[in-house]
Amino acid sequence: RLGSERLLGADVLQNACLMELLVFVG
């Protein structure tokens, strides 16, 4: 969903999601 957003901070929130996903998978 964030990938299609054009709002401020969408990329930062994607990075946060990636961090969460990497920790979860580990």
PDB file of all heavy atoms in Angstrom:
ATOM      1  N   ARG A   1       0.830  -1.217   0.000  1.00  0.00           N
ATOM      2  CA  ARG A   1       0.000   0.000   0.000  1.00  0.00           C
ATOM      3  C   ARG A   1       0.857   1.258   0.000  1.00  0.00           C
ATOM      4  O   ARG A   1       0.572   2.215  -0.732  1.00  0.00           O
ATOM      5  CB  ARG A   1      -0.931  -0.010   1.218  1.00  0.00           C
ATOM      6  CG  ARG A   1      -2.032  -1.056   1.174  1.00  0.00           C
ATOM      7  CD  ARG A   1      -3.088  -0.779   2.229  1.00  0.00           C
ATOM      8  NE  ARG A   1      -2.539  -0.855   3.576  1.00  0.00           N
ATOM      9  CZ  ARG A   1      -2.492  -1.966   4.300  1.00  0.00           C
ATOM     10  NH1 ARG A   1      -2.923  -3.117   3.796  1.00  0.00           N
ATOM     11  NH2 ARG A   1      -1.992  -1.940   5.525  1.00  0.00           N
ATOM     12  N   LEU A   2       1.907   1.262   0.792  1.00  0.00           N
ATOM     13  CA  LEU A   2       2.772   2.441   0.863  1.00  0.00           C
ATOM     14  C   LEU A   2       3.480   2.697  -0.463  1.00  0.00           C
ATOM     15  O   LEU A   2       3.801   3.843  -0.791  1.00  0.00           O
ATOM     16  CB  LEU A   2       3.803   2.267   1.978  1.00  0.00           C
ATOM     17  CG  LEU A   2       3.270   2.381   3.411  1.00  0.00           C
ATOM     18  CD1 LEU A   2       4.280   1.821   4.404  1.00  0.00           C
ATOM     19  CD2 LEU A   2       2.936   3.838   3.738  1.00  0.00           C
ATOM     20  N   GLY A   3       3.695   1.631  -1.231  1.00  0.00           N
ATOM     21  CA  GLY A   3       4.359   1.790  -2.514  1.00  0.00           C
ATOM     22  C   GLY A   3       3.571   2.619  -3.504  1.00  0.00           C
ATOM     23  O   GLY A   3       4.148   3.191  -4.442  1.00  0.00           O
ATOM     24  N   SER A   4       2.253   2.688  -3.329  1.00  0.00           N
ATOM     25  CA  SER A   4       1.425   3.481  -4.240  1.00  0.00           C
ATOM     26  C   SER A   4       1.058   4.841  -3.658  1.00  0.00           C
ATOM     27  O   SER A   4       0.386   5.639  -4.304  1.00  0.00           O
ATOM     28  CB  SER A   4       0.136   2.711  -4.580  1.00  0.00           C
ATOM     29  OG  SER A   4      -0.618   2.445  -3.403  1.00  0.00           O
ATOM     30  N   GLU A   5       1.496   5.123  -2.445  1.00  0.00           N
ATOM     31  CA  GLU A   5       1.197   6.410  -1.818  1.00  0.00           C
ATOM     32  C   GLU A   5       2.161   7.487  -2.309  1.00  0.00           C
ATOM     33  O   GLU A   5       3.316   7.214  -2.624  1.00  0.00           O
ATOM     34  CB  GLU A   5       1.313   6.310  -0.289  1.00  0.00           C
ATOM     35  CG  GLU A   5       0.097   5.730   0.374  1.00  0.00           C
ATOM     36  CD  GLU A   5       0.160   5.896   1.897  1.00  0.00           C
ATOM     37  OE1 GLU A   5       1.059   6.621   2.381  1.00  0.00           O
ATOM     38  OE2 GLU A   5      -0.681   5.306   2.583  1.00  0.00           O
ATOM     39  N   ARG A   6       1.683   8.716  -2.347  1.00  0.00           N
ATOM     40  CA  ARG A   6       2.527   9.853  -2.689  1.00  0.00           C
ATOM     41  C   ARG A   6       2.609  10.841  -1.540  1.00  0.00           C
ATOM     42  O   ARG A   6       3.010  11.980  -1.716  1.00  0.00           O
ATOM     43  CB  ARG A   6       1.975  10.555  -3.951  1.00  0.00           C
ATOM     44  CG  ARG A   6       1.981   9.688  -5.196  1.00  0.00           C
ATOM     45  CD  ARG A   6       3.403   9.333  -5.618  1.00  0.00           C
ATOM     46  NE  ARG A   6       3.445   8.453  -6.778  1.00  0.00           N
ATOM     47  CZ  ARG A   6       3.533   7.137  -6.709  1.00  0.00           C
ATOM     48  NH1 ARG A   6       3.586   6.539  -5.509  1.00  0.00           N
ATOM     49  NH2 ARG A   6       3.556   6.402  -7.802  1.00  0.00           N
ATOM     50  N   LEU A   7       2.226  10.381  -0.352  1.00  0.00           N
ATOM     51  CA  LEU A   7       2.223  11.242   0.814  1.00  0.00           C
ATOM     52  C   LEU A   7       3.619  11.343   1.419  1.00  0.00           C
ATOM     53  O   LEU A   7       4.455  10.449   1.248  1.00  0.00           O
ATOM     54  CB  LEU A   7       1.254  10.700   1.866  1.00  0.00           C
ATOM     55  CG  LEU A   7      -0.226  10.624   1.449  1.00  0.00           C
ATOM     56  CD1 LEU A   7      -1.047   9.961   2.547  1.00  0.00           C
ATOM     57  CD2 LEU A   7      -0.761  12.017   1.142  1.00  0.00           C
ATOM     58  N   LEU A   8       3.860  12.419   2.142  1.00  0.00           N
ATOM     59  CA  LEU A   8       5.132  12.622   2.824  1.00  0.00           C
ATOM     60  C   LEU A   8       5.428  11.452   3.750  1.00  0.00           C
ATOM     61  O   LEU A   8       4.575  11.027   4.532  1.00  0.00           O
ATOM     62  CB  LEU A   8       5.086  13.929   3.632  1.00  0.00           C
ATOM     63  CG  LEU A   8       6.313  14.239   4.496  1.00  0.00           C
ATOM     64  CD1 LEU A   8       7.513  14.545   3.620  1.00  0.00           C
ATOM     65  CD2 LEU A   8       6.013  15.403   5.445  1.00  0.00           C
ATOM     66  N   GLY A   9       6.639  10.925   3.667  1.00  0.00           N
ATOM     67  CA  GLY A   9       7.078   9.897   4.603  1.00  0.00           C
ATOM     68  C   GLY A   9       6.736   8.473   4.222  1.00  0.00           C
ATOM     69  O   GLY A   9       7.041   7.548   4.987  1.00  0.00           O
ATOM     70  N   ALA A  10       6.121   8.264   3.049  1.00  0.00           N
ATOM     71  CA  ALA A  10       5.766   6.894   2.648  1.00  0.00           C
ATOM     72  C   ALA A  10       7.004   6.008   2.566  1.00  0.00           C
ATOM     73  O   ALA A  10       6.985   4.841   2.970  1.00  0.00           O
ATOM     74  CB  ALA A  10       5.025   6.902   1.313  1.00  0.00           C
ATOM     75  N   ASP A  11       8.105   6.567   2.049  1.00  0.00           N
ATOM     76  CA  ASP A  11       9.340   5.779   1.932  1.00  0.00           C
ATOM     77  C   ASP A  11       9.920   5.448   3.307  1.00  0.00           C
ATOM     78  O   ASP A  11      10.439   4.351   3.531  1.00  0.00           O
ATOM     79  CB  ASP A  11      10.366   6.511   1.074  1.00  0.00           C
ATOM     80  CG  ASP A  11      10.713   7.891   1.607  1.00  0.00           C
ATOM     81  OD1 ASP A  11       9.897   8.469   2.357  1.00  0.00           O
ATOM     82  OD2 ASP A  11      11.797   8.406   1.267  1.00  0.00           O
ATOM     83  N   VAL A  12       9.820   6.391   4.240  1.00  0.00           N
ATOM     84  CA  VAL A  12      10.325   6.158   5.590  1.00  0.00           C
ATOM     85  C   VAL A  12       9.519   5.045   6.260  1.00  0.00           C
ATOM     86  O   VAL A  12      10.079   4.160   6.937  1.00  0.00           O
ATOM     87  CB  VAL A  12      10.250   7.454   6.428  1.00  0.00           C
ATOM     88  CG1 VAL A  12      10.669   7.181   7.883  1.00  0.00           C
ATOM     89  CG2 VAL A  12      11.126   8.528   5.810  1.00  0.00           C
ATOM     90  N   LEU A  13       8.208   5.069   6.064  1.00  0.00           N
ATOM     91  CA  LEU A  13       7.359   4.037   6.648  1.00  0.00           C
ATOM     92  C   LEU A  13       7.636   2.677   6.019  1.00  0.00           C
ATOM     93  O   LEU A  13       7.582   1.646   6.696  1.00  0.00           O
ATOM     94  CB  LEU A  13       5.887   4.411   6.484  1.00  0.00           C
ATOM     95  CG  LEU A  13       5.428   5.637   7.284  1.00  0.00           C
ATOM     96  CD1 LEU A  13       3.979   5.988   6.940  1.00  0.00           C
ATOM     97  CD2 LEU A  13       5.557   5.366   8.779  1.00  0.00           C
ATOM     98  N   GLN A  14       7.959   2.659   4.726  1.00  0.00           N
ATOM     99  CA  GLN A  14       8.341   1.404   4.086  1.00  0.00           C
ATOM    100  C   GLN A  14       9.615   0.843   4.711  1.00  0.00           C
ATOM    101  O   GLN A  14       9.727  -0.363   4.947  1.00  0.00           O
ATOM    102  CB  GLN A  14       8.539   1.598   2.580  1.00  0.00           C
ATOM    103  CG  GLN A  14       7.259   1.550   1.758  1.00  0.00           C
ATOM    104  CD  GLN A  14       7.552   1.400   0.284  1.00  0.00           C
ATOM    105  OE1 GLN A  14       8.464   2.037  -0.253  1.00  0.00           O
ATOM    106  NE2 GLN A  14       6.797   0.562  -0.392  1.00  0.00           N
ATOM    107  N   ASN A  15      10.586   1.709   4.967  1.00  0.00           N
ATOM    108  CA  ASN A  15      11.815   1.276   5.617  1.00  0.00           C
ATOM    109  C   ASN A  15      11.527   0.681   6.995  1.00  0.00           C
ATOM    110  O   ASN A  15      12.113  -0.326   7.391  1.00  0.00           O
ATOM    111  CB  ASN A  15      12.790   2.443   5.756  1.00  0.00           C
ATOM    112  CG  ASN A  15      13.348   2.916   4.434  1.00  0.00           C
ATOM    113  OD1 ASN A  15      13.113   2.300   3.395  1.00  0.00           O
ATOM    114  ND2 ASN A  15      14.084   4.012   4.457  1.00  0.00           N
ATOM    115  N   ALA A  16      10.596   1.326   7.720  1.00  0.00           N
ATOM    116  CA  ALA A  16      10.229   0.823   9.046  1.00  0.00           C
ATOM    117  C   ALA A  16       9.573  -0.556   8.933  1.00  0.00           C
ATOM    118  O   ALA A  16       9.829  -1.452   9.749  1.00  0.00           O
ATOM    119  CB  ALA A  16       9.294   1.809   9.736  1.00  0.00           C
ATOM    120  N   CYS A  17       8.748  -0.732   7.905  1.00  0.00           N
ATOM    121  CA  CYS A  17       8.100  -2.027   7.678  1.00  0.00           C
ATOM    122  C   CYS A  17       9.139  -3.093   7.346  1.00  0.00           C
ATOM    123  O   CYS A  17       9.038  -4.239   7.796  1.00  0.00           O
ATOM    124  CB  CYS A  17       7.081  -1.929   6.549  1.00  0.00           C
ATOM    125  SG  CYS A  17       5.569  -1.029   6.956  1.00  0.00           S
ATOM    126  N   LEU A  18      10.135  -2.711   6.551  1.00  0.00           N
ATOM    127  CA  LEU A  18      11.189  -3.661   6.206  1.00  0.00           C
ATOM    128  C   LEU A  18      11.940  -4.102   7.456  1.00  0.00           C
ATOM    129  O   LEU A  18      12.226  -5.296   7.636  1.00  0.00           O
ATOM    130  CB  LEU A  18      12.159  -3.038   5.207  1.00  0.00           C
ATOM    131  CG  LEU A  18      13.374  -3.897   4.857  1.00  0.00           C
ATOM    132  CD1 LEU A  18      12.957  -5.190   4.162  1.00  0.00           C
ATOM    133  CD2 LEU A  18      14.368  -3.120   3.987  1.00  0.00           C
ATOM    134  N   MET A  19      12.256  -3.155   8.325  1.00  0.00           N
ATOM    135  CA  MET A  19      12.928  -3.496   9.570  1.00  0.00           C
ATOM    136  C   MET A  19      12.094  -4.484  10.375  1.00  0.00           C
ATOM    137  O   MET A  19      12.616  -5.490  10.888  1.00  0.00           O
ATOM    138  CB  MET A  19      13.182  -2.231  10.403  1.00  0.00           C
ATOM    139  CG  MET A  19      14.198  -1.275   9.818  1.00  0.00           C
ATOM    140  SD  MET A  19      14.340   0.240  10.806  1.00  0.00           S
ATOM    141  CE  MET A  19      15.074  -0.396  12.304  1.00  0.00           C
ATOM    142  N   GLU A  20      10.814  -4.220  10.476  1.00  0.00           N
ATOM    143  CA  GLU A  20       9.919  -5.096  11.228  1.00  0.00           C
ATOM    144  C   GLU A  20       9.884  -6.493  10.611  1.00  0.00           C
ATOM    145  O   GLU A  20       9.924  -7.507  11.310  1.00  0.00           O
ATOM    146  CB  GLU A  20       8.513  -4.497  11.262  1.00  0.00           C
ATOM    147  CG  GLU A  20       7.519  -5.308  12.079  1.00  0.00           C
ATOM    148  CD  GLU A  20       6.143  -4.670  12.138  1.00  0.00           C
ATOM    149  OE1 GLU A  20       5.995  -3.507  11.694  1.00  0.00           O
ATOM    150  OE2 GLU A  20       5.208  -5.348  12.621  1.00  0.00           O
ATOM    151  N   LEU A  21       9.828  -6.553   9.279  1.00  0.00           N
ATOM    152  CA  LEU A  21       9.759  -7.835   8.582  1.00  0.00           C
ATOM    153  C   LEU A  21      11.046  -8.635   8.764  1.00  0.00           C
ATOM    154  O   LEU A  21      11.010  -9.854   8.993  1.00  0.00           O
ATOM    155  CB  LEU A  21       9.491  -7.588   7.091  1.00  0.00           C
ATOM    156  CG  LEU A  21       8.832  -8.715   6.301  1.00  0.00           C
ATOM    157  CD1 LEU A  21       7.497  -9.107   6.916  1.00  0.00           C
ATOM    158  CD2 LEU A  21       8.634  -8.288   4.855  1.00  0.00           C
ATOM    159  N   LEU A  22      12.189  -7.969   8.671  1.00  0.00           N
ATOM    160  CA  LEU A  22      13.464  -8.662   8.826  1.00  0.00           C
ATOM    161  C   LEU A  22      13.639  -9.209  10.243  1.00  0.00           C
ATOM    162  O   LEU A  22      14.124 -10.336  10.425  1.00  0.00           O
ATOM    163  CB  LEU A  22      14.611  -7.712   8.482  1.00  0.00           C
ATOM    164  CG  LEU A  22      14.812  -7.428   6.995  1.00  0.00           C
ATOM    165  CD1 LEU A  22      15.677  -6.194   6.788  1.00  0.00           C
ATOM    166  CD2 LEU A  22      15.433  -8.623   6.287  1.00  0.00           C
ATOM    167  N   VAL A  23      13.241  -8.437  11.231  1.00  0.00           N
ATOM    168  CA  VAL A  23      13.307  -8.915  12.615  1.00  0.00           C
ATOM    169  C   VAL A  23      12.365 -10.103  12.796  1.00  0.00           C
ATOM    170  O   VAL A  23      12.729 -11.127  13.399  1.00  0.00           O
ATOM    171  CB  VAL A  23      12.961  -7.790  13.604  1.00  0.00           C
ATOM    172  CG1 VAL A  23      12.784  -8.355  15.016  1.00  0.00           C
ATOM    173  CG2 VAL A  23      14.041  -6.723  13.601  1.00  0.00           C
ATOM    174  N   PHE A  24      11.153  -9.993  12.258  1.00  0.00           N
ATOM    175  CA  PHE A  24      10.170 -11.060  12.398  1.00  0.00           C
ATOM    176  C   PHE A  24      10.661 -12.351  11.756  1.00  0.00           C
ATOM    177  O   PHE A  24      10.587 -13.430  12.356  1.00  0.00           O
ATOM    178  CB  PHE A  24       8.848 -10.623  11.768  1.00  0.00           C
ATOM    179  CG  PHE A  24       7.813 -11.716  11.724  1.00  0.00           C
ATOM    180  CD1 PHE A  24       7.190 -12.152  12.876  1.00  0.00           C
ATOM    181  CD2 PHE A  24       7.476 -12.326  10.524  1.00  0.00           C
ATOM    182  CE1 PHE A  24       6.252 -13.179  12.850  1.00  0.00           C
ATOM    183  CE2 PHE A  24       6.545 -13.341  10.466  1.00  0.00           C
ATOM    184  CZ  PHE A  24       5.928 -13.764  11.633  1.00  0.00           C
ATOM    185  N   VAL A  25      11.175 -12.271  10.521  1.00  0.00           N
ATOM    186  CA  VAL A  25      11.645 -13.472   9.829  1.00  0.00           C
ATOM    187  C   VAL A  25      12.840 -14.084  10.570  1.00  0.00           C
ATOM    188  O   VAL A  25      12.938 -15.313  10.698  1.00  0.00           O
ATOM    189  CB  VAL A  25      12.014 -13.153   8.366  1.00  0.00           C
ATOM    190  CG1 VAL A  25      12.680 -14.357   7.703  1.00  0.00           C
ATOM    191  CG2 VAL A  25      10.771 -12.759   7.579  1.00  0.00           C
ATOM    192  N   GLY A  26      13.736 -13.240  11.062  1.00  0.00           N
ATOM    193  CA  GLY A  26      14.862 -13.759  11.840  1.00  0.00           C
ATOM    194  C   GLY A  26      14.393 -14.529  13.063  1.00  0.00           C
ATOM    195  O   GLY A  26      14.926 -15.603  13.386  1.00  0.00           O
TER     196      GLY A  26
END
